[in-house]
């Protein structure tokens, strides 16, 4: 059985699972609000949350690839795969989410429609913020308490984790 340090060293997927679950919930809420209120902004946000779900899936895939055993062609292993998938996620976030939001914004600018139930759309955005805050809190709690005590900025600088 692993010691305490080993257990915390492998908790990265747990943080990703928290983010994936929260983004799935947020995307579902935003899609519901977008269709009910006819809000272009809510729909763009729902697409953005869906892209975030794809990001977490890519990170999970990268984490799994990084744990592969070394072979003859890769004698040092695949540990750096997480950095490659982290870069892909960053590119996907800015390109995929940004292009979708811009495209839908242009569509809504050309095809005007009335916003129905604006307070519901605002409420869903606020609820999404709360859901994301709980996921962030849960993700931060996956960091070893000894490292958390020194502060998150210190952990970011010293851990070297993507």
N, C-alpha and C. Protein backbone atom coordinates (compact mmCIF):
# COMPACT_ATOMS: atom_id res chain seq x y z
N UNK A 1 0.85 -1.19 0.00
CA UNK A 1 0.00 0.00 0.00
C UNK A 1 0.88 1.24 0.00
N UNK A 2 0.46 2.24 -0.69
CA UNK A 2 1.25 3.46 -0.78
C UNK A 2 1.18 4.24 0.51
N UNK A 3 2.26 5.00 0.72
CA UNK A 3 2.26 5.89 1.86
C UNK A 3 1.46 7.15 1.56
N UNK A 4 1.45 8.04 2.52
CA UNK A 4 0.68 9.26 2.36
C UNK A 4 1.17 10.11 1.19
N UNK A 5 2.49 10.19 1.02
CA UNK A 5 3.03 11.00 -0.08
C UNK A 5 2.65 10.41 -1.42
N UNK A 6 2.69 9.09 -1.56
CA UNK A 6 2.30 8.44 -2.81
C UNK A 6 0.85 8.67 -3.14
N UNK A 7 0.03 8.68 -2.12
CA UNK A 7 -1.40 8.89 -2.34
C UNK A 7 -1.65 10.29 -2.88
N UNK A 8 -0.98 11.28 -2.31
CA UNK A 8 -1.18 12.65 -2.78
C UNK A 8 -0.53 12.90 -4.12
N UNK A 9 0.52 12.15 -4.42
CA UNK A 9 1.19 12.34 -5.71
C UNK A 9 0.31 11.89 -6.87
N UNK A 10 -0.63 11.00 -6.60
CA UNK A 10 -1.46 10.47 -7.69
C UNK A 10 -2.86 11.07 -7.70
N UNK A 11 -3.08 12.17 -7.01
CA UNK A 11 -4.43 12.72 -6.91
C UNK A 11 -4.78 13.66 -8.04
N UNK A 12 -3.91 13.89 -8.98
CA UNK A 12 -4.23 14.80 -10.08
C UNK A 12 -5.51 14.40 -10.80
N UNK A 13 -5.71 13.10 -11.11
CA UNK A 13 -6.97 12.77 -11.79
C UNK A 13 -8.19 13.13 -10.96
N UNK A 14 -8.10 13.04 -9.64
CA UNK A 14 -9.25 13.38 -8.81
C UNK A 14 -9.64 14.84 -9.01
N UNK A 15 -8.67 15.72 -9.10
CA UNK A 15 -8.96 17.13 -9.36
C UNK A 15 -9.59 17.30 -10.74
N UNK A 16 -9.10 16.52 -11.70
CA UNK A 16 -9.66 16.60 -13.05
C UNK A 16 -11.09 16.08 -13.05
N UNK A 17 -11.34 15.02 -12.30
CA UNK A 17 -12.71 14.49 -12.21
C UNK A 17 -13.65 15.51 -11.57
N UNK A 18 -13.18 16.24 -10.56
CA UNK A 18 -14.01 17.29 -9.95
C UNK A 18 -14.35 18.35 -11.00
N UNK A 19 -13.34 18.76 -11.76
CA UNK A 19 -13.57 19.78 -12.78
C UNK A 19 -14.50 19.27 -13.87
N UNK A 20 -14.35 18.01 -14.26
CA UNK A 20 -15.21 17.43 -15.29
C UNK A 20 -16.66 17.37 -14.81
N UNK A 21 -16.86 16.91 -13.59
CA UNK A 21 -18.22 16.82 -13.06
C UNK A 21 -18.86 18.20 -12.97
N UNK A 22 -18.11 19.18 -12.50
CA UNK A 22 -18.68 20.53 -12.39
C UNK A 22 -18.97 21.11 -13.76
N UNK A 23 -18.10 20.88 -14.72
CA UNK A 23 -18.34 21.42 -16.06
C UNK A 23 -19.50 20.74 -16.76
N UNK A 24 -19.70 19.44 -16.51
CA UNK A 24 -20.88 18.77 -17.06
C UNK A 24 -22.16 19.36 -16.48
N UNK A 25 -22.16 19.58 -15.17
CA UNK A 25 -23.34 20.18 -14.53
C UNK A 25 -23.58 21.60 -15.02
N UNK A 26 -22.52 22.36 -15.13
CA UNK A 26 -22.62 23.75 -15.58
C UNK A 26 -23.11 23.79 -17.03
N UNK A 27 -22.54 22.94 -17.88
CA UNK A 27 -22.95 22.93 -19.29
C UNK A 27 -24.42 22.57 -19.43
N UNK A 28 -24.88 21.58 -18.66
CA UNK A 28 -26.29 21.19 -18.73
C UNK A 28 -27.19 22.34 -18.29
N UNK A 29 -26.82 23.02 -17.21
CA UNK A 29 -27.61 24.17 -16.74
C UNK A 29 -27.63 25.28 -17.78
N UNK A 30 -26.49 25.56 -18.37
CA UNK A 30 -26.40 26.65 -19.33
C UNK A 30 -27.15 26.33 -20.62
N UNK A 31 -27.07 25.08 -21.08
CA UNK A 31 -27.83 24.70 -22.27
C UNK A 31 -29.33 24.82 -21.99
N UNK A 32 -29.76 24.36 -20.81
CA UNK A 32 -31.18 24.49 -20.46
C UNK A 32 -31.62 25.94 -20.42
N UNK A 33 -30.81 26.78 -19.79
CA UNK A 33 -31.14 28.20 -19.72
C UNK A 33 -31.11 28.85 -21.10
N UNK A 34 -30.16 28.45 -21.93
CA UNK A 34 -30.05 29.04 -23.28
C UNK A 34 -31.29 28.73 -24.10
N UNK A 35 -31.75 27.50 -24.05
CA UNK A 35 -32.92 27.13 -24.85
C UNK A 35 -34.21 27.72 -24.27
N UNK A 36 -34.27 27.80 -22.93
CA UNK A 36 -35.48 28.34 -22.31
C UNK A 36 -35.59 29.85 -22.46
N UNK A 37 -34.44 30.55 -22.36
CA UNK A 37 -34.46 32.01 -22.39
C UNK A 37 -34.15 32.59 -23.76
N UNK A 38 -33.70 31.76 -24.69
CA UNK A 38 -33.31 32.22 -26.02
C UNK A 38 -32.12 33.18 -25.93
N UNK A 39 -31.22 32.91 -24.98
CA UNK A 39 -30.07 33.77 -24.74
C UNK A 39 -28.86 33.29 -25.52
N UNK A 40 -28.35 34.15 -26.38
CA UNK A 40 -27.14 33.82 -27.12
C UNK A 40 -25.92 33.73 -26.21
N UNK A 41 -25.86 34.60 -25.21
CA UNK A 41 -24.73 34.57 -24.29
C UNK A 41 -24.72 33.28 -23.48
N UNK A 42 -25.90 32.84 -23.04
CA UNK A 42 -25.98 31.59 -22.29
C UNK A 42 -25.58 30.41 -23.18
N UNK A 43 -25.97 30.45 -24.45
CA UNK A 43 -25.59 29.37 -25.36
C UNK A 43 -24.09 29.36 -25.59
N UNK A 44 -23.49 30.54 -25.78
CA UNK A 44 -22.04 30.61 -25.96
C UNK A 44 -21.32 30.10 -24.71
N UNK A 45 -21.85 30.44 -23.54
CA UNK A 45 -21.27 29.93 -22.30
C UNK A 45 -21.42 28.41 -22.19
N UNK A 46 -22.55 27.88 -22.66
CA UNK A 46 -22.77 26.44 -22.62
C UNK A 46 -21.77 25.73 -23.54
N UNK A 47 -21.53 26.30 -24.70
CA UNK A 47 -20.54 25.72 -25.62
C UNK A 47 -19.16 25.77 -24.98
N UNK A 48 -18.86 26.89 -24.34
CA UNK A 48 -17.56 27.03 -23.68
C UNK A 48 -17.41 25.98 -22.57
N UNK A 49 -18.45 25.73 -21.79
CA UNK A 49 -18.38 24.71 -20.75
C UNK A 49 -18.24 23.32 -21.35
N UNK A 50 -18.85 23.10 -22.51
CA UNK A 50 -18.70 21.82 -23.18
C UNK A 50 -17.26 21.62 -23.65
N UNK A 51 -16.65 22.68 -24.14
CA UNK A 51 -15.24 22.61 -24.55
C UNK A 51 -14.38 22.32 -23.31
N UNK A 52 -14.73 22.90 -22.18
CA UNK A 52 -14.01 22.60 -20.95
C UNK A 52 -14.10 21.12 -20.60
N UNK A 53 -15.26 20.50 -20.84
CA UNK A 53 -15.40 19.06 -20.58
C UNK A 53 -14.44 18.28 -21.47
N UNK A 54 -14.32 18.68 -22.73
CA UNK A 54 -13.36 18.02 -23.62
C UNK A 54 -11.94 18.21 -23.12
N UNK A 55 -11.67 19.37 -22.53
CA UNK A 55 -10.34 19.63 -21.98
C UNK A 55 -10.02 18.64 -20.86
N UNK A 56 -10.97 18.43 -19.96
CA UNK A 56 -10.72 17.50 -18.86
C UNK A 56 -10.53 16.07 -19.38
N UNK A 57 -11.29 15.71 -20.40
CA UNK A 57 -11.11 14.38 -20.98
C UNK A 57 -9.72 14.24 -21.60
N UNK A 58 -9.24 15.29 -22.25
CA UNK A 58 -7.89 15.25 -22.81
C UNK A 58 -6.84 15.14 -21.71
N UNK A 59 -7.04 15.85 -20.61
CA UNK A 59 -6.11 15.76 -19.49
C UNK A 59 -6.10 14.36 -18.88
N UNK A 60 -7.27 13.75 -18.76
CA UNK A 60 -7.33 12.39 -18.24
C UNK A 60 -6.61 11.42 -19.18
N UNK A 61 -6.80 11.60 -20.48
CA UNK A 61 -6.12 10.76 -21.45
C UNK A 61 -4.61 10.95 -21.34
N UNK A 62 -4.16 12.19 -21.20
CA UNK A 62 -2.74 12.46 -21.04
C UNK A 62 -2.17 11.86 -19.77
N UNK A 63 -2.94 11.92 -18.69
CA UNK A 63 -2.47 11.33 -17.43
C UNK A 63 -2.33 9.82 -17.57
N UNK A 64 -3.29 9.21 -18.25
CA UNK A 64 -3.21 7.77 -18.47
C UNK A 64 -2.01 7.42 -19.36
N UNK A 65 -1.78 8.22 -20.41
CA UNK A 65 -0.64 7.97 -21.30
C UNK A 65 0.68 8.14 -20.56
N UNK A 66 0.75 9.09 -19.64
CA UNK A 66 1.99 9.34 -18.90
C UNK A 66 2.33 8.20 -17.94
N UNK A 67 1.35 7.43 -17.53
CA UNK A 67 1.60 6.33 -16.60
C UNK A 67 2.03 5.06 -17.31
N UNK A 68 2.10 5.07 -18.64
CA UNK A 68 2.51 3.87 -19.38
C UNK A 68 3.94 3.49 -19.00
N UNK A 69 4.19 2.20 -18.98
CA UNK A 69 5.51 1.70 -18.61
C UNK A 69 6.53 2.00 -19.71
N UNK A 70 7.79 2.22 -19.32
CA UNK A 70 8.83 2.45 -20.34
C UNK A 70 8.95 1.24 -21.26
N UNK A 71 9.35 1.52 -22.50
CA UNK A 71 9.58 0.43 -23.44
C UNK A 71 10.93 0.68 -24.13
N UNK A 72 11.25 -0.12 -25.15
CA UNK A 72 12.55 0.01 -25.79
C UNK A 72 12.73 1.36 -26.49
N UNK A 73 11.68 1.86 -27.11
CA UNK A 73 11.79 3.15 -27.79
C UNK A 73 11.74 4.33 -26.82
N UNK A 74 11.16 4.13 -25.66
CA UNK A 74 11.03 5.19 -24.65
C UNK A 74 11.56 4.68 -23.32
N UNK A 75 12.87 4.53 -23.17
CA UNK A 75 13.42 3.95 -21.94
C UNK A 75 13.20 4.82 -20.70
N UNK A 76 12.96 6.10 -20.88
CA UNK A 76 12.72 6.98 -19.74
C UNK A 76 11.24 7.10 -19.40
N UNK A 77 10.40 6.42 -20.16
CA UNK A 77 8.97 6.43 -19.88
C UNK A 77 8.24 7.53 -20.63
N UNK A 78 7.02 7.76 -20.19
CA UNK A 78 6.13 8.70 -20.87
C UNK A 78 5.65 9.81 -19.94
N UNK A 79 6.37 10.06 -18.87
CA UNK A 79 5.93 11.02 -17.86
C UNK A 79 5.64 12.42 -18.36
N UNK A 80 6.31 12.82 -19.41
CA UNK A 80 6.12 14.18 -19.92
C UNK A 80 4.89 14.33 -20.81
N UNK A 81 4.19 13.24 -21.02
CA UNK A 81 2.96 13.30 -21.82
C UNK A 81 1.96 14.28 -21.20
N UNK A 82 1.96 14.40 -19.88
CA UNK A 82 1.01 15.32 -19.24
C UNK A 82 1.23 16.75 -19.70
N UNK A 83 2.48 17.12 -19.97
CA UNK A 83 2.77 18.47 -20.42
C UNK A 83 2.27 18.69 -21.85
N UNK A 84 2.40 17.67 -22.68
CA UNK A 84 1.91 17.76 -24.06
C UNK A 84 0.40 17.94 -24.06
N UNK A 85 -0.29 17.12 -23.28
CA UNK A 85 -1.75 17.22 -23.24
C UNK A 85 -2.19 18.51 -22.56
N UNK A 86 -1.42 19.00 -21.60
CA UNK A 86 -1.72 20.31 -21.01
C UNK A 86 -1.65 21.42 -22.03
N UNK A 87 -0.64 21.36 -22.90
CA UNK A 87 -0.52 22.35 -23.97
C UNK A 87 -1.69 22.23 -24.95
N UNK A 88 -2.05 21.00 -25.30
CA UNK A 88 -3.19 20.80 -26.21
C UNK A 88 -4.48 21.34 -25.60
N UNK A 89 -4.65 21.16 -24.31
CA UNK A 89 -5.84 21.68 -23.64
C UNK A 89 -5.86 23.20 -23.70
N UNK A 90 -4.73 23.83 -23.47
CA UNK A 90 -4.68 25.30 -23.53
C UNK A 90 -5.03 25.79 -24.93
N UNK A 91 -4.49 25.12 -25.95
CA UNK A 91 -4.80 25.52 -27.32
C UNK A 91 -6.27 25.28 -27.63
N UNK A 92 -6.80 24.16 -27.19
CA UNK A 92 -8.21 23.84 -27.44
C UNK A 92 -9.12 24.84 -26.73
N UNK A 93 -8.75 25.22 -25.53
CA UNK A 93 -9.56 26.16 -24.76
C UNK A 93 -9.67 27.50 -25.47
N UNK A 94 -8.55 28.02 -25.91
CA UNK A 94 -8.57 29.33 -26.55
C UNK A 94 -9.12 29.27 -27.97
N UNK A 95 -8.74 28.26 -28.72
CA UNK A 95 -9.19 28.19 -30.10
C UNK A 95 -10.62 27.68 -30.19
N UNK A 96 -10.88 26.51 -29.60
CA UNK A 96 -12.22 25.90 -29.69
C UNK A 96 -13.30 26.75 -29.04
N UNK A 97 -13.08 27.11 -27.79
CA UNK A 97 -14.07 27.92 -27.09
C UNK A 97 -14.21 29.31 -27.67
N UNK A 98 -13.10 29.91 -28.04
CA UNK A 98 -13.13 31.25 -28.60
C UNK A 98 -13.81 31.31 -29.96
N UNK A 99 -13.46 30.38 -30.84
CA UNK A 99 -14.07 30.38 -32.17
C UNK A 99 -15.57 30.11 -32.09
N UNK A 100 -15.97 29.18 -31.25
CA UNK A 100 -17.40 28.88 -31.10
C UNK A 100 -18.15 30.09 -30.56
N UNK A 101 -17.57 30.76 -29.57
CA UNK A 101 -18.23 31.94 -29.00
C UNK A 101 -18.33 33.07 -30.03
N UNK A 102 -17.27 33.29 -30.77
CA UNK A 102 -17.29 34.35 -31.79
C UNK A 102 -18.30 34.02 -32.89
N UNK A 103 -18.30 32.76 -33.33
CA UNK A 103 -19.22 32.36 -34.39
C UNK A 103 -20.67 32.54 -33.96
N UNK A 104 -20.99 32.12 -32.74
CA UNK A 104 -22.36 32.27 -32.30
C UNK A 104 -22.70 33.73 -32.04
N UNK A 105 -21.71 34.52 -31.57
CA UNK A 105 -21.94 35.94 -31.40
C UNK A 105 -22.26 36.64 -32.71
N UNK A 106 -21.55 36.28 -33.76
CA UNK A 106 -21.83 36.85 -35.09
C UNK A 106 -23.21 36.42 -35.56
N UNK A 107 -23.54 35.15 -35.35
CA UNK A 107 -24.86 34.66 -35.75
C UNK A 107 -25.96 35.45 -35.04
N UNK A 108 -25.78 35.66 -33.73
CA UNK A 108 -26.80 36.41 -32.97
C UNK A 108 -26.84 37.88 -33.37
N UNK A 109 -25.71 38.43 -33.77
CA UNK A 109 -25.71 39.83 -34.22
C UNK A 109 -26.47 39.99 -35.52
N UNK A 110 -26.40 39.00 -36.38
CA UNK A 110 -27.10 39.04 -37.66
C UNK A 110 -28.58 38.67 -37.49
N UNK A 111 -28.85 37.66 -36.69
CA UNK A 111 -30.22 37.17 -36.47
C UNK A 111 -30.66 37.54 -35.06
N UNK A 112 -31.23 38.72 -34.94
CA UNK A 112 -31.67 39.19 -33.62
C UNK A 112 -32.87 38.39 -33.14
N UNK A 113 -32.94 38.19 -31.85
CA UNK A 113 -34.12 37.59 -31.24
C UNK A 113 -34.23 38.14 -29.82
N UNK A 114 -35.45 38.18 -29.35
CA UNK A 114 -35.69 38.74 -28.02
C UNK A 114 -35.23 37.78 -26.94
N UNK A 115 -34.67 38.34 -25.89
CA UNK A 115 -34.27 37.55 -24.73
C UNK A 115 -35.47 37.37 -23.83
N UNK A 116 -35.76 36.13 -23.49
CA UNK A 116 -36.87 35.83 -22.60
C UNK A 116 -36.31 35.41 -21.26
N UNK A 117 -36.89 35.84 -20.18
CA UNK A 117 -36.50 35.48 -18.82
C UNK A 117 -35.03 35.78 -18.54
N UNK A 118 -34.63 37.04 -18.62
CA UNK A 118 -33.21 37.37 -18.43
C UNK A 118 -32.71 37.05 -17.03
N UNK A 119 -33.58 37.14 -16.02
CA UNK A 119 -33.13 36.85 -14.66
C UNK A 119 -32.76 35.38 -14.49
N UNK A 120 -33.43 34.50 -15.22
CA UNK A 120 -33.08 33.09 -15.17
C UNK A 120 -31.69 32.86 -15.74
N UNK A 121 -31.39 33.51 -16.86
CA UNK A 121 -30.06 33.38 -17.46
C UNK A 121 -28.98 33.88 -16.50
N UNK A 122 -29.23 35.00 -15.86
CA UNK A 122 -28.27 35.54 -14.89
C UNK A 122 -28.15 34.60 -13.69
N UNK A 123 -29.27 34.05 -13.24
CA UNK A 123 -29.24 33.11 -12.12
C UNK A 123 -28.43 31.87 -12.43
N UNK A 124 -28.57 31.35 -13.65
CA UNK A 124 -27.80 30.17 -14.04
C UNK A 124 -26.31 30.49 -14.08
N UNK A 125 -25.96 31.66 -14.56
CA UNK A 125 -24.55 32.05 -14.57
C UNK A 125 -24.01 32.16 -13.15
N UNK A 126 -24.81 32.70 -12.24
CA UNK A 126 -24.38 32.79 -10.83
C UNK A 126 -24.27 31.39 -10.22
N UNK A 127 -25.24 30.52 -10.49
CA UNK A 127 -25.18 29.15 -9.97
C UNK A 127 -23.96 28.42 -10.53
N UNK A 128 -23.64 28.69 -11.79
CA UNK A 128 -22.46 28.07 -12.40
C UNK A 128 -21.19 28.51 -11.67
N UNK A 129 -21.15 29.76 -11.30
CA UNK A 129 -20.00 30.25 -10.53
C UNK A 129 -19.86 29.54 -9.21
N UNK A 130 -20.98 29.28 -8.54
CA UNK A 130 -20.95 28.56 -7.26
C UNK A 130 -20.48 27.12 -7.47
N UNK A 131 -21.00 26.46 -8.50
CA UNK A 131 -20.59 25.08 -8.79
C UNK A 131 -19.09 25.01 -9.08
N UNK A 132 -18.61 25.96 -9.87
CA UNK A 132 -17.18 26.00 -10.20
C UNK A 132 -16.34 26.29 -8.95
N UNK A 133 -16.85 27.12 -8.05
CA UNK A 133 -16.12 27.42 -6.82
C UNK A 133 -15.99 26.16 -5.95
N UNK A 134 -17.05 25.36 -5.87
CA UNK A 134 -16.96 24.11 -5.11
C UNK A 134 -15.96 23.15 -5.75
N UNK A 135 -15.94 23.09 -7.08
CA UNK A 135 -14.97 22.22 -7.77
C UNK A 135 -13.55 22.71 -7.53
N UNK A 136 -13.35 24.02 -7.55
CA UNK A 136 -12.03 24.58 -7.28
C UNK A 136 -11.59 24.24 -5.86
N UNK A 137 -12.50 24.40 -4.92
CA UNK A 137 -12.18 24.08 -3.52
C UNK A 137 -11.81 22.61 -3.37
N UNK A 138 -12.58 21.74 -4.00
CA UNK A 138 -12.28 20.31 -3.93
C UNK A 138 -10.94 20.00 -4.58
N UNK A 139 -10.65 20.66 -5.69
CA UNK A 139 -9.37 20.43 -6.37
C UNK A 139 -8.19 20.91 -5.53
N UNK A 140 -8.35 22.04 -4.89
CA UNK A 140 -7.29 22.55 -4.04
C UNK A 140 -7.06 21.61 -2.86
N UNK A 141 -8.12 21.00 -2.38
CA UNK A 141 -7.98 20.06 -1.25
C UNK A 141 -7.25 18.79 -1.63
N UNK A 142 -7.08 18.52 -2.93
CA UNK A 142 -6.31 17.34 -3.34
C UNK A 142 -4.81 17.56 -3.20
N UNK A 143 -4.40 18.81 -3.01
CA UNK A 143 -2.98 19.12 -2.82
C UNK A 143 -2.61 18.74 -1.39
N UNK A 144 -1.43 18.16 -1.24
CA UNK A 144 -0.93 17.76 0.07
C UNK A 144 -1.02 18.95 1.04
N UNK A 145 -1.61 18.76 2.22
CA UNK A 145 -1.77 19.88 3.17
C UNK A 145 -0.46 20.58 3.52
N UNK A 146 0.65 19.84 3.52
CA UNK A 146 1.94 20.49 3.81
C UNK A 146 2.28 21.53 2.76
N UNK A 147 1.94 21.22 1.50
CA UNK A 147 2.23 22.17 0.42
C UNK A 147 1.21 23.30 0.38
N UNK A 148 -0.03 22.97 0.75
CA UNK A 148 -1.07 24.01 0.79
C UNK A 148 -0.75 25.06 1.84
N UNK A 149 -0.15 24.63 2.95
CA UNK A 149 0.15 25.57 4.04
C UNK A 149 1.13 26.65 3.60
N UNK A 150 1.98 26.32 2.64
CA UNK A 150 2.95 27.31 2.14
C UNK A 150 2.34 28.28 1.15
N UNK A 151 1.13 27.98 0.68
CA UNK A 151 0.44 28.84 -0.27
C UNK A 151 0.42 28.23 -1.66
N UNK A 152 -0.64 28.53 -2.38
CA UNK A 152 -0.80 27.96 -3.71
C UNK A 152 0.24 28.46 -4.69
N UNK A 153 0.62 29.72 -4.59
CA UNK A 153 1.63 30.26 -5.50
C UNK A 153 2.94 29.50 -5.33
N UNK A 154 3.30 29.22 -4.10
CA UNK A 154 4.52 28.45 -3.83
C UNK A 154 4.38 27.05 -4.40
N UNK A 155 3.22 26.44 -4.25
CA UNK A 155 3.00 25.09 -4.79
C UNK A 155 3.12 25.10 -6.32
N UNK A 156 2.53 26.10 -6.98
CA UNK A 156 2.63 26.20 -8.43
C UNK A 156 4.08 26.31 -8.88
N UNK A 157 4.87 27.12 -8.17
CA UNK A 157 6.25 27.31 -8.55
C UNK A 157 7.09 26.07 -8.29
N UNK A 158 6.88 25.41 -7.17
CA UNK A 158 7.74 24.33 -6.75
C UNK A 158 7.34 22.94 -7.27
N UNK A 159 6.07 22.73 -7.57
CA UNK A 159 5.63 21.38 -7.90
C UNK A 159 6.06 20.97 -9.31
N UNK A 160 6.05 21.88 -10.25
CA UNK A 160 6.36 21.53 -11.62
C UNK A 160 5.29 20.71 -12.29
N UNK A 161 4.11 20.66 -11.71
CA UNK A 161 3.02 19.86 -12.26
C UNK A 161 2.19 20.72 -13.22
N UNK A 162 1.78 20.12 -14.34
CA UNK A 162 1.01 20.90 -15.31
C UNK A 162 -0.40 21.18 -14.83
